[in-house]
Amino acid sequence: MSKSKKHGSIRGLELMILYIFLMLFLVVADQISKRAIVFTMEYQSSIPVIDNFFSLYYVRNTGSAFSFLADKAWGISALTVISAVMGVMVVIMMGIACKKHLKLLGFAFCLIASGAFGNLIDRVINKYVVDFIYFRIIDFPLFNFADICVTCSAAMLIIFFIFIYKEDPNLHLFQEKKSD
């Protein structure tokens, strides 16, 4: 048994490949869900799923979260560039996390990249992002599957940094592991 594979653990490169396939799967799932809405619903129409609680409501978001920059002509271009750069940076950080066997951190980066690329595809192709999930009971802004990926990853990162990180030098992304 090689030293790089202890007790059946997955190596960094294998983990990275796994997360890349997961990322591609999540981006495809996001795009399929958005296309299903676009092809089956009229723009700005609503389908109640659970009365007065949850519905599908098709809107086009030309901004970012909470329609930020939606009223700016340059907003969608800026968001497209920012999403592309951030997506690439997150994939690089995912690779570093995988190399250091930081599975939770790598998975969180995988989810962020999935959400970034899912919405980036919409911005490049449509010049807007398809949002369709609406919780009426709390009157929350509409969102999509890519947004769920980003939100889940943010929660995971908060958990990581509050409960796991704890100044362990082996958990630093940009420092070499210290030997015992």
N, C-alpha and C. Protein backbone atom coordinates (compact mmCIF):
# COMPACT_ATOMS: atom_id res chain seq x y z
N MET A 1 0.85 -1.17 0.00
CA MET A 1 0.00 0.00 0.00
C MET A 1 0.89 1.23 0.00
N SER A 2 0.60 2.20 -0.85
CA SER A 2 1.43 3.39 -0.94
C SER A 2 1.18 4.32 0.24
N LYS A 3 2.18 5.18 0.51
CA LYS A 3 2.06 6.11 1.63
C LYS A 3 0.99 7.16 1.38
N SER A 4 0.72 7.46 0.11
CA SER A 4 -0.26 8.50 -0.20
C SER A 4 -1.69 8.02 -0.02
N LYS A 5 -1.87 6.73 0.12
CA LYS A 5 -3.21 6.19 0.29
C LYS A 5 -3.26 5.39 1.60
N LYS A 6 -3.72 6.05 2.65
CA LYS A 6 -3.75 5.43 3.97
C LYS A 6 -5.16 4.96 4.28
N HIS A 7 -5.28 3.73 4.72
CA HIS A 7 -6.55 3.18 5.20
C HIS A 7 -7.70 3.44 4.22
N GLY A 8 -7.46 3.30 2.95
CA GLY A 8 -8.50 3.46 1.95
C GLY A 8 -8.90 4.91 1.70
N SER A 9 -8.14 5.87 2.20
CA SER A 9 -8.51 7.27 1.98
C SER A 9 -8.25 7.65 0.53
N ILE A 10 -8.93 8.64 0.10
CA ILE A 10 -8.84 9.08 -1.29
C ILE A 10 -7.70 10.10 -1.42
N ARG A 11 -6.94 10.01 -2.48
CA ARG A 11 -5.83 10.93 -2.71
C ARG A 11 -6.35 12.27 -3.20
N GLY A 12 -5.50 13.28 -3.08
CA GLY A 12 -5.87 14.65 -3.46
C GLY A 12 -6.36 14.77 -4.90
N LEU A 13 -5.65 14.16 -5.85
CA LEU A 13 -6.05 14.24 -7.25
C LEU A 13 -7.37 13.54 -7.49
N GLU A 14 -7.56 12.39 -6.85
CA GLU A 14 -8.83 11.67 -6.99
C GLU A 14 -9.98 12.49 -6.41
N LEU A 15 -9.72 13.14 -5.29
CA LEU A 15 -10.73 13.99 -4.66
C LEU A 15 -11.07 15.17 -5.57
N MET A 16 -10.07 15.77 -6.17
CA MET A 16 -10.29 16.90 -7.09
C MET A 16 -11.13 16.45 -8.28
N ILE A 17 -10.81 15.30 -8.84
CA ILE A 17 -11.58 14.78 -9.98
C ILE A 17 -13.02 14.51 -9.57
N LEU A 18 -13.21 13.94 -8.39
CA LEU A 18 -14.56 13.69 -7.87
C LEU A 18 -15.33 15.00 -7.74
N TYR A 19 -14.70 16.03 -7.16
CA TYR A 19 -15.37 17.32 -6.99
C TYR A 19 -15.64 18.01 -8.32
N ILE A 20 -14.76 17.84 -9.30
CA ILE A 20 -15.01 18.43 -10.61
C ILE A 20 -16.23 17.77 -11.26
N PHE A 21 -16.32 16.44 -11.17
CA PHE A 21 -17.51 15.76 -11.70
C PHE A 21 -18.77 16.17 -10.94
N LEU A 22 -18.67 16.31 -9.63
CA LEU A 22 -19.82 16.78 -8.85
C LEU A 22 -20.21 18.19 -9.26
N MET A 23 -19.21 19.05 -9.45
CA MET A 23 -19.47 20.41 -9.88
C MET A 23 -20.19 20.43 -11.23
N LEU A 24 -19.71 19.63 -12.17
CA LEU A 24 -20.36 19.56 -13.48
C LEU A 24 -21.80 19.04 -13.36
N PHE A 25 -22.00 18.03 -12.53
CA PHE A 25 -23.35 17.50 -12.30
C PHE A 25 -24.27 18.58 -11.74
N LEU A 26 -23.79 19.34 -10.75
CA LEU A 26 -24.61 20.39 -10.14
C LEU A 26 -24.92 21.52 -11.12
N VAL A 27 -23.95 21.88 -11.95
CA VAL A 27 -24.19 22.92 -12.96
C VAL A 27 -25.23 22.43 -13.97
N VAL A 28 -25.12 21.19 -14.40
CA VAL A 28 -26.10 20.62 -15.34
C VAL A 28 -27.49 20.57 -14.68
N ALA A 29 -27.56 20.16 -13.43
CA ALA A 29 -28.85 20.12 -12.71
C ALA A 29 -29.45 21.52 -12.63
N ASP A 30 -28.62 22.52 -12.34
CA ASP A 30 -29.09 23.91 -12.30
C ASP A 30 -29.64 24.33 -13.65
N GLN A 31 -28.90 24.05 -14.71
CA GLN A 31 -29.33 24.45 -16.05
C GLN A 31 -30.61 23.73 -16.48
N ILE A 32 -30.71 22.46 -16.14
CA ILE A 32 -31.93 21.71 -16.49
C ILE A 32 -33.13 22.29 -15.75
N SER A 33 -32.96 22.61 -14.47
CA SER A 33 -34.08 23.17 -13.71
C SER A 33 -34.51 24.52 -14.29
N LYS A 34 -33.56 25.34 -14.68
CA LYS A 34 -33.88 26.65 -15.26
C LYS A 34 -34.54 26.49 -16.63
N ARG A 35 -34.02 25.59 -17.45
CA ARG A 35 -34.62 25.38 -18.78
C ARG A 35 -36.04 24.83 -18.65
N ALA A 36 -36.27 23.96 -17.67
CA ALA A 36 -37.61 23.42 -17.45
C ALA A 36 -38.58 24.56 -17.14
N ILE A 37 -38.15 25.52 -16.34
CA ILE A 37 -39.00 26.67 -16.01
C ILE A 37 -39.24 27.52 -17.26
N VAL A 38 -38.18 27.83 -17.99
CA VAL A 38 -38.30 28.68 -19.18
C VAL A 38 -39.23 28.05 -20.23
N PHE A 39 -39.12 26.73 -20.43
CA PHE A 39 -39.91 26.07 -21.47
C PHE A 39 -41.33 25.70 -21.03
N THR A 40 -41.62 25.70 -19.74
CA THR A 40 -42.95 25.29 -19.29
C THR A 40 -43.78 26.42 -18.68
N MET A 41 -43.14 27.56 -18.41
CA MET A 41 -43.88 28.66 -17.78
C MET A 41 -43.76 29.94 -18.60
N GLU A 42 -44.78 30.76 -18.50
CA GLU A 42 -44.73 32.10 -19.08
C GLU A 42 -43.91 32.98 -18.15
N TYR A 43 -43.20 33.94 -18.74
CA TYR A 43 -42.43 34.89 -17.95
C TYR A 43 -43.35 35.60 -16.95
N GLN A 44 -42.92 35.70 -15.72
CA GLN A 44 -43.61 36.32 -14.58
C GLN A 44 -44.92 35.61 -14.22
N SER A 45 -45.00 34.33 -14.56
CA SER A 45 -46.17 33.55 -14.12
C SER A 45 -45.78 32.74 -12.89
N SER A 46 -46.80 32.27 -12.19
CA SER A 46 -46.58 31.57 -10.94
C SER A 46 -47.36 30.27 -10.91
N ILE A 47 -46.76 29.26 -10.32
CA ILE A 47 -47.44 27.98 -10.10
C ILE A 47 -47.35 27.68 -8.60
N PRO A 48 -48.48 27.72 -7.90
CA PRO A 48 -48.43 27.39 -6.47
C PRO A 48 -48.10 25.91 -6.27
N VAL A 49 -47.18 25.63 -5.39
CA VAL A 49 -46.82 24.25 -5.06
C VAL A 49 -47.47 23.90 -3.72
N ILE A 50 -47.29 24.78 -2.74
CA ILE A 50 -47.97 24.66 -1.45
C ILE A 50 -48.62 26.02 -1.21
N ASP A 51 -49.96 26.05 -1.22
CA ASP A 51 -50.69 27.32 -1.13
C ASP A 51 -50.19 28.22 -0.02
N ASN A 52 -49.99 29.49 -0.38
CA ASN A 52 -49.55 30.55 0.54
C ASN A 52 -48.24 30.25 1.26
N PHE A 53 -47.45 29.33 0.71
CA PHE A 53 -46.16 29.01 1.33
C PHE A 53 -45.03 28.99 0.30
N PHE A 54 -45.18 28.15 -0.74
CA PHE A 54 -44.11 27.94 -1.70
C PHE A 54 -44.69 27.87 -3.10
N SER A 55 -44.02 28.55 -4.04
CA SER A 55 -44.47 28.49 -5.43
C SER A 55 -43.28 28.63 -6.37
N LEU A 56 -43.52 28.25 -7.60
CA LEU A 56 -42.56 28.49 -8.67
C LEU A 56 -43.02 29.78 -9.34
N TYR A 57 -42.11 30.71 -9.50
CA TYR A 57 -42.44 32.02 -10.08
C TYR A 57 -41.28 32.42 -10.98
N TYR A 58 -41.52 32.46 -12.28
CA TYR A 58 -40.46 32.67 -13.26
C TYR A 58 -40.16 34.16 -13.43
N VAL A 59 -38.94 34.55 -13.05
CA VAL A 59 -38.47 35.92 -13.26
C VAL A 59 -37.07 35.89 -13.87
N ARG A 60 -36.69 37.01 -14.42
CA ARG A 60 -35.36 37.19 -15.00
C ARG A 60 -34.62 38.24 -14.18
N ASN A 61 -33.55 37.83 -13.54
CA ASN A 61 -32.78 38.70 -12.67
C ASN A 61 -31.56 39.21 -13.42
N THR A 62 -31.54 40.50 -13.72
CA THR A 62 -30.40 41.08 -14.43
C THR A 62 -29.32 41.57 -13.47
N GLY A 63 -29.54 41.35 -12.18
CA GLY A 63 -28.56 41.73 -11.17
C GLY A 63 -27.96 40.51 -10.52
N SER A 64 -27.50 40.71 -9.29
CA SER A 64 -26.98 39.58 -8.52
C SER A 64 -27.96 39.30 -7.40
N ALA A 65 -27.48 38.85 -6.26
CA ALA A 65 -28.36 38.53 -5.13
C ALA A 65 -29.23 39.75 -4.80
N PHE A 66 -30.50 39.48 -4.57
CA PHE A 66 -31.48 40.52 -4.24
C PHE A 66 -31.57 41.58 -5.33
N SER A 67 -31.26 41.20 -6.58
CA SER A 67 -31.30 42.07 -7.76
C SER A 67 -30.33 43.25 -7.67
N PHE A 68 -29.27 43.11 -6.88
CA PHE A 68 -28.26 44.14 -6.77
C PHE A 68 -27.66 44.42 -8.15
N LEU A 69 -27.55 45.67 -8.52
CA LEU A 69 -27.04 46.17 -9.81
C LEU A 69 -27.99 45.91 -10.98
N ALA A 70 -29.20 45.46 -10.72
CA ALA A 70 -30.13 45.15 -11.80
C ALA A 70 -30.50 46.38 -12.62
N ASP A 71 -30.49 47.55 -12.01
CA ASP A 71 -30.89 48.77 -12.71
C ASP A 71 -29.72 49.48 -13.39
N LYS A 72 -28.55 48.90 -13.37
CA LYS A 72 -27.37 49.48 -13.99
C LYS A 72 -27.10 48.80 -15.33
N ALA A 73 -26.92 49.59 -16.38
CA ALA A 73 -26.67 49.03 -17.71
C ALA A 73 -25.40 48.19 -17.74
N TRP A 74 -24.41 48.58 -16.99
CA TRP A 74 -23.13 47.88 -16.97
C TRP A 74 -23.13 46.74 -15.95
N GLY A 75 -24.17 46.62 -15.16
CA GLY A 75 -24.22 45.66 -14.06
C GLY A 75 -24.03 44.22 -14.49
N ILE A 76 -24.74 43.79 -15.54
CA ILE A 76 -24.65 42.38 -15.95
C ILE A 76 -23.26 42.05 -16.47
N SER A 77 -22.62 43.02 -17.15
CA SER A 77 -21.25 42.79 -17.64
C SER A 77 -20.28 42.66 -16.48
N ALA A 78 -20.41 43.54 -15.51
CA ALA A 78 -19.53 43.48 -14.33
C ALA A 78 -19.74 42.18 -13.58
N LEU A 79 -20.99 41.78 -13.40
CA LEU A 79 -21.29 40.54 -12.68
C LEU A 79 -20.77 39.32 -13.44
N THR A 80 -20.81 39.36 -14.75
CA THR A 80 -20.31 38.25 -15.56
C THR A 80 -18.81 38.08 -15.37
N VAL A 81 -18.09 39.19 -15.43
CA VAL A 81 -16.63 39.14 -15.24
C VAL A 81 -16.30 38.69 -13.82
N ILE A 82 -16.98 39.26 -12.84
CA ILE A 82 -16.73 38.90 -11.44
C ILE A 82 -17.02 37.42 -11.21
N SER A 83 -18.13 36.91 -11.75
CA SER A 83 -18.49 35.50 -11.58
C SER A 83 -17.44 34.59 -12.21
N ALA A 84 -16.96 34.96 -13.39
CA ALA A 84 -15.96 34.13 -14.07
C ALA A 84 -14.65 34.09 -13.28
N VAL A 85 -14.17 35.25 -12.86
CA VAL A 85 -12.91 35.32 -12.11
C VAL A 85 -13.05 34.60 -10.78
N MET A 86 -14.13 34.86 -10.06
CA MET A 86 -14.33 34.21 -8.76
C MET A 86 -14.49 32.69 -8.92
N GLY A 87 -15.20 32.27 -9.95
CA GLY A 87 -15.36 30.83 -10.20
C GLY A 87 -14.03 30.14 -10.40
N VAL A 88 -13.15 30.74 -11.19
CA VAL A 88 -11.83 30.17 -11.44
C VAL A 88 -11.00 30.16 -10.15
N MET A 89 -11.06 31.26 -9.40
CA MET A 89 -10.31 31.32 -8.14
C MET A 89 -10.79 30.26 -7.16
N VAL A 90 -12.09 30.04 -7.10
CA VAL A 90 -12.64 29.04 -6.18
C VAL A 90 -12.23 27.63 -6.60
N VAL A 91 -12.19 27.37 -7.90
CA VAL A 91 -11.74 26.06 -8.37
C VAL A 91 -10.27 25.84 -7.99
N ILE A 92 -9.47 26.88 -8.11
CA ILE A 92 -8.05 26.77 -7.69
C ILE A 92 -7.97 26.48 -6.20
N MET A 93 -8.76 27.18 -5.39
CA MET A 93 -8.77 26.94 -3.94
C MET A 93 -9.29 25.54 -3.64
N MET A 94 -10.24 25.06 -4.44
CA MET A 94 -10.73 23.69 -4.27
C MET A 94 -9.59 22.70 -4.51
N GLY A 95 -8.79 22.96 -5.53
CA GLY A 95 -7.65 22.10 -5.82
C GLY A 95 -6.64 22.08 -4.68
N ILE A 96 -6.37 23.25 -4.10
CA ILE A 96 -5.44 23.32 -2.97
C ILE A 96 -6.01 22.56 -1.78
N ALA A 97 -7.31 22.73 -1.52
CA ALA A 97 -7.95 22.02 -0.40
C ALA A 97 -7.88 20.51 -0.62
N CYS A 98 -8.10 20.07 -1.86
CA CYS A 98 -8.03 18.63 -2.16
C CYS A 98 -6.61 18.11 -1.96
N LYS A 99 -5.62 18.86 -2.41
CA LYS A 99 -4.22 18.45 -2.26
C LYS A 99 -3.87 18.28 -0.78
N LYS A 100 -4.47 19.12 0.06
CA LYS A 100 -4.20 19.05 1.51
C LYS A 100 -5.20 18.13 2.22
N HIS A 101 -6.03 17.45 1.46
CA HIS A 101 -7.02 16.50 2.01
C HIS A 101 -8.02 17.18 2.94
N LEU A 102 -8.36 18.43 2.66
CA LEU A 102 -9.37 19.16 3.43
C LEU A 102 -10.71 18.97 2.71
N LYS A 103 -11.32 17.81 2.96
CA LYS A 103 -12.50 17.39 2.20
C LYS A 103 -13.68 18.34 2.37
N LEU A 104 -13.98 18.75 3.58
CA LEU A 104 -15.12 19.64 3.81
C LEU A 104 -14.91 20.98 3.12
N LEU A 105 -13.71 21.51 3.24
CA LEU A 105 -13.39 22.77 2.59
C LEU A 105 -13.45 22.63 1.07
N GLY A 106 -12.91 21.55 0.54
CA GLY A 106 -12.96 21.30 -0.89
C GLY A 106 -14.39 21.17 -1.38
N PHE A 107 -15.23 20.48 -0.61
CA PHE A 107 -16.64 20.32 -0.97
C PHE A 107 -17.36 21.67 -0.97
N ALA A 108 -17.07 22.50 0.03
CA ALA A 108 -17.68 23.84 0.08
C ALA A 108 -17.27 24.65 -1.15
N PHE A 109 -16.00 24.58 -1.52
CA PHE A 109 -15.55 25.30 -2.72
C PHE A 109 -16.21 24.73 -3.98
N CYS A 110 -16.42 23.43 -4.01
CA CYS A 110 -17.12 22.79 -5.13
C CYS A 110 -18.52 23.37 -5.28
N LEU A 111 -19.22 23.53 -4.17
CA LEU A 111 -20.58 24.08 -4.22
C LEU A 111 -20.58 25.55 -4.67
N ILE A 112 -19.63 26.32 -4.16
CA ILE A 112 -19.55 27.73 -4.57
C ILE A 112 -19.30 27.83 -6.06
N ALA A 113 -18.34 27.06 -6.56
CA ALA A 113 -18.01 27.09 -7.99
C ALA A 113 -19.21 26.65 -8.82
N SER A 114 -19.93 25.64 -8.36
CA SER A 114 -21.13 25.17 -9.08
C SER A 114 -22.14 26.29 -9.22
N GLY A 115 -22.41 26.98 -8.13
CA GLY A 115 -23.36 28.08 -8.17
C GLY A 115 -22.88 29.22 -9.04
N ALA A 116 -21.61 29.57 -8.92
CA ALA A 116 -21.05 30.66 -9.72
C ALA A 116 -21.15 30.34 -11.21
N PHE A 117 -20.75 29.13 -11.59
CA PHE A 117 -20.77 28.77 -13.01
C PHE A 117 -22.20 28.57 -13.53
N GLY A 118 -23.10 28.06 -12.68
CA GLY A 118 -24.49 27.91 -13.09
C GLY A 118 -25.12 29.24 -13.47
N ASN A 119 -24.91 30.24 -12.61
CA ASN A 119 -25.46 31.57 -12.90
C ASN A 119 -24.67 32.29 -13.99
N LEU A 120 -23.37 32.00 -14.09
CA LEU A 120 -22.54 32.60 -15.14
C LEU A 120 -23.04 32.18 -16.52
N ILE A 121 -23.39 30.92 -16.66
CA ILE A 121 -23.92 30.45 -17.95
C ILE A 121 -25.15 31.26 -18.35
N ASP A 122 -26.05 31.48 -17.40
CA ASP A 122 -27.24 32.30 -17.69
C ASP A 122 -26.85 33.71 -18.12
N ARG A 123 -25.93 34.32 -17.38
CA ARG A 123 -25.55 35.70 -17.70
C ARG A 123 -24.92 35.81 -19.09
N VAL A 124 -24.10 34.83 -19.44
CA VAL A 124 -23.44 34.87 -20.75
C VAL A 124 -24.45 34.62 -21.87
N ILE A 125 -25.31 33.62 -21.71
CA ILE A 125 -26.25 33.25 -22.77
C ILE A 125 -27.45 34.21 -22.84
N ASN A 126 -28.04 34.51 -21.69
CA ASN A 126 -29.30 35.26 -21.67
C ASN A 126 -29.17 36.73 -21.30
N LYS A 127 -28.08 37.11 -20.68
CA LYS A 127 -27.90 38.46 -20.11
C LYS A 127 -28.77 38.66 -18.88
N TYR A 128 -29.24 37.58 -18.29
CA TYR A 128 -29.98 37.59 -17.03
C TYR A 128 -29.92 36.19 -16.44
N VAL A 129 -30.28 36.08 -15.17
CA VAL A 129 -30.31 34.78 -14.49
C VAL A 129 -31.77 34.41 -14.25
N VAL A 130 -32.11 33.17 -14.54
CA VAL A 130 -33.47 32.68 -14.31
C VAL A 130 -33.60 32.33 -12.83
N ASP A 131 -34.53 33.00 -12.16
CA ASP A 131 -34.87 32.68 -10.78
C ASP A 131 -36.31 32.19 -10.77
N PHE A 132 -36.62 31.26 -9.87
CA PHE A 132 -37.96 30.68 -9.90
C PHE A 132 -38.46 30.10 -8.59
N ILE A 133 -37.64 30.04 -7.57
CA ILE A 133 -38.07 29.46 -6.30
C ILE A 133 -38.51 30.60 -5.39
N TYR A 134 -39.74 30.52 -4.90
CA TYR A 134 -40.29 31.60 -4.10
C TYR A 134 -41.00 31.07 -2.86
N PHE A 135 -40.56 31.53 -1.70
CA PHE A 135 -41.21 31.19 -0.44
C PHE A 135 -42.06 32.39 -0.03
N ARG A 136 -43.33 32.29 -0.28
CA ARG A 136 -44.27 33.38 -0.03
C ARG A 136 -44.41 33.68 1.47
N ILE A 137 -44.36 32.67 2.30
CA ILE A 137 -44.62 32.85 3.73
C ILE A 137 -43.65 33.84 4.37
N ILE A 138 -42.42 33.90 3.88
CA ILE A 138 -41.45 34.85 4.42
C ILE A 138 -41.13 35.95 3.41
N ASP A 139 -41.81 35.94 2.27
CA ASP A 139 -41.61 36.92 1.21
C ASP A 139 -40.12 37.11 0.89
N PHE A 140 -39.42 35.98 0.78
CA PHE A 140 -37.99 35.98 0.49
C PHE A 140 -37.80 36.22 -1.00
N PRO A 141 -36.72 36.92 -1.41
CA PRO A 141 -36.46 37.11 -2.84
C PRO A 141 -36.35 35.77 -3.57
N LEU A 142 -36.71 35.78 -4.84
CA LEU A 142 -36.65 34.56 -5.64
C LEU A 142 -35.20 34.13 -5.84
N PHE A 143 -35.03 32.82 -6.00
CA PHE A 143 -33.69 32.27 -6.19
C PHE A 143 -33.78 31.03 -7.05
N ASN A 144 -32.63 30.34 -7.24
CA ASN A 144 -32.58 29.16 -8.09
C ASN A 144 -31.66 28.11 -7.46
N PHE A 145 -31.46 27.01 -8.16
CA PHE A 145 -30.64 25.91 -7.64
C PHE A 145 -29.19 26.35 -7.42
N ALA A 146 -28.63 27.15 -8.32
CA ALA A 146 -27.26 27.64 -8.16
C ALA A 146 -27.12 28.45 -6.88
N ASP A 147 -28.12 29.25 -6.58
CA ASP A 147 -28.10 30.05 -5.35
C ASP A 147 -28.13 29.16 -4.11
N ILE A 148 -28.86 28.05 -4.19
CA ILE A 148 -28.89 27.10 -3.08
C ILE A 148 -27.50 26.52 -2.84
N CYS A 149 -26.79 26.18 -3.93
CA CYS A 149 -25.42 25.66 -3.80
C CYS A 149 -24.52 26.66 -3.08
N VAL A 150 -24.60 27.93 -3.48
CA VAL A 150 -23.76 28.96 -2.87
C VAL A 150 -24.13 29.16 -1.40
N THR A 151 -25.42 29.17 -1.09
CA THR A 151 -25.87 29.36 0.28
C THR A 151 -25.42 28.20 1.18
N CYS A 152 -25.57 26.98 0.69
CA CYS A 152 -25.12 25.81 1.47
C CYS A 152 -23.61 25.86 1.71
N SER A 153 -22.86 26.26 0.69
CA SER A 153 -21.41 26.34 0.86
C SER A 153 -21.04 27.43 1.86
N ALA A 154 -21.76 28.54 1.85
CA ALA A 154 -21.48 29.60 2.82
C ALA A 154 -21.71 29.08 4.24
N ALA A 155 -22.78 28.33 4.44
CA ALA A 155 -23.05 27.75 5.76
C ALA A 155 -21.93 26.78 6.15
N MET A 156 -21.47 25.98 5.19
CA MET A 156 -20.38 25.03 5.47
C MET A 156 -19.09 25.77 5.84
N LEU A 157 -18.80 26.86 5.13
CA LEU A 157 -17.59 27.62 5.42
C LEU A 157 -17.67 28.26 6.81
N ILE A 158 -18.84 28.75 7.18
CA ILE A 158 -19.02 29.32 8.52
C ILE A 158 -18.76 28.24 9.57
N ILE A 159 -19.34 27.07 9.37
CA ILE A 159 -19.11 25.96 10.30
C ILE A 159 -17.63 25.60 10.35
N PHE A 160 -17.00 25.52 9.18
CA PHE A 160 -15.58 25.19 9.12
C PHE A 160 -14.74 26.18 9.92
N PHE A 161 -14.96 27.47 9.67
CA PHE A 161 -14.11 28.46 10.32
C PHE A 161 -14.43 28.68 11.80
N ILE A 162 -15.65 28.42 12.21
CA ILE A 162 -15.99 28.59 13.63
C ILE A 162 -15.62 27.35 14.45
N PHE A 163 -15.91 26.16 13.92
CA PHE A 163 -15.77 24.95 14.73
C PHE A 163 -14.58 24.06 14.39
N ILE A 164 -14.03 24.17 13.19
CA ILE A 164 -12.99 23.22 12.77
C ILE A 164 -11.62 23.89 12.64
N TYR A 165 -11.57 25.06 12.08
CA TYR A 165 -10.32 25.73 11.73
C TYR A 165 -9.38 25.88 12.93
N LYS A 166 -9.81 26.54 13.96
CA LYS A 166 -9.15 26.65 15.28
C LYS A 166 -7.62 26.75 15.26
N GLU A 167 -7.07 27.52 14.37
CA GLU A 167 -5.62 27.77 14.36
C GLU A 167 -4.76 26.54 14.13
N ASP A 168 -5.33 25.47 13.62
CA ASP A 168 -4.54 24.28 13.29
C ASP A 168 -3.72 24.62 12.05
N PRO A 169 -2.40 24.65 12.14
CA PRO A 169 -1.57 25.04 11.00
C PRO A 169 -1.74 24.11 9.79
N ASN A 170 -2.22 22.91 10.01
CA ASN A 170 -2.42 21.99 8.89
C ASN A 170 -3.67 22.33 8.09
N LEU A 171 -4.52 23.22 8.61
CA LEU A 171 -5.74 23.58 7.89
C LEU A 171 -5.59 24.87 7.09
N HIS A 172 -4.43 25.47 7.11
CA HIS A 172 -4.21 26.68 6.33
C HIS A 172 -4.06 26.30 4.86
N LEU A 173 -4.81 26.95 4.00
CA LEU A 173 -4.75 26.62 2.58
C LEU A 173 -3.41 26.98 1.94
N PHE A 174 -2.83 28.09 2.35
CA PHE A 174 -1.67 28.59 1.64
C PHE A 174 -0.35 28.42 2.40
N GLN A 175 -0.34 27.49 3.33
CA GLN A 175 0.90 27.16 4.04
C GLN A 175 1.11 25.66 3.91
N GLU A 176 2.37 25.27 3.95
CA GLU A 176 2.68 23.85 3.90
C GLU A 176 2.31 23.20 5.23
N LYS A 177 1.93 21.94 5.18
CA LYS A 177 1.64 21.19 6.41
C LYS A 177 2.91 21.09 7.25
N LYS A 178 2.72 21.25 8.54
CA LYS A 178 3.86 21.11 9.45
C LYS A 178 3.98 19.65 9.84
N SER A 179 5.20 19.16 9.82
CA SER A 179 5.40 17.75 10.20
C SER A 179 5.48 17.64 11.71
N ASP A 180 5.12 16.46 12.20
CA ASP A 180 5.11 16.22 13.66
C ASP A 180 6.51 15.98 14.19
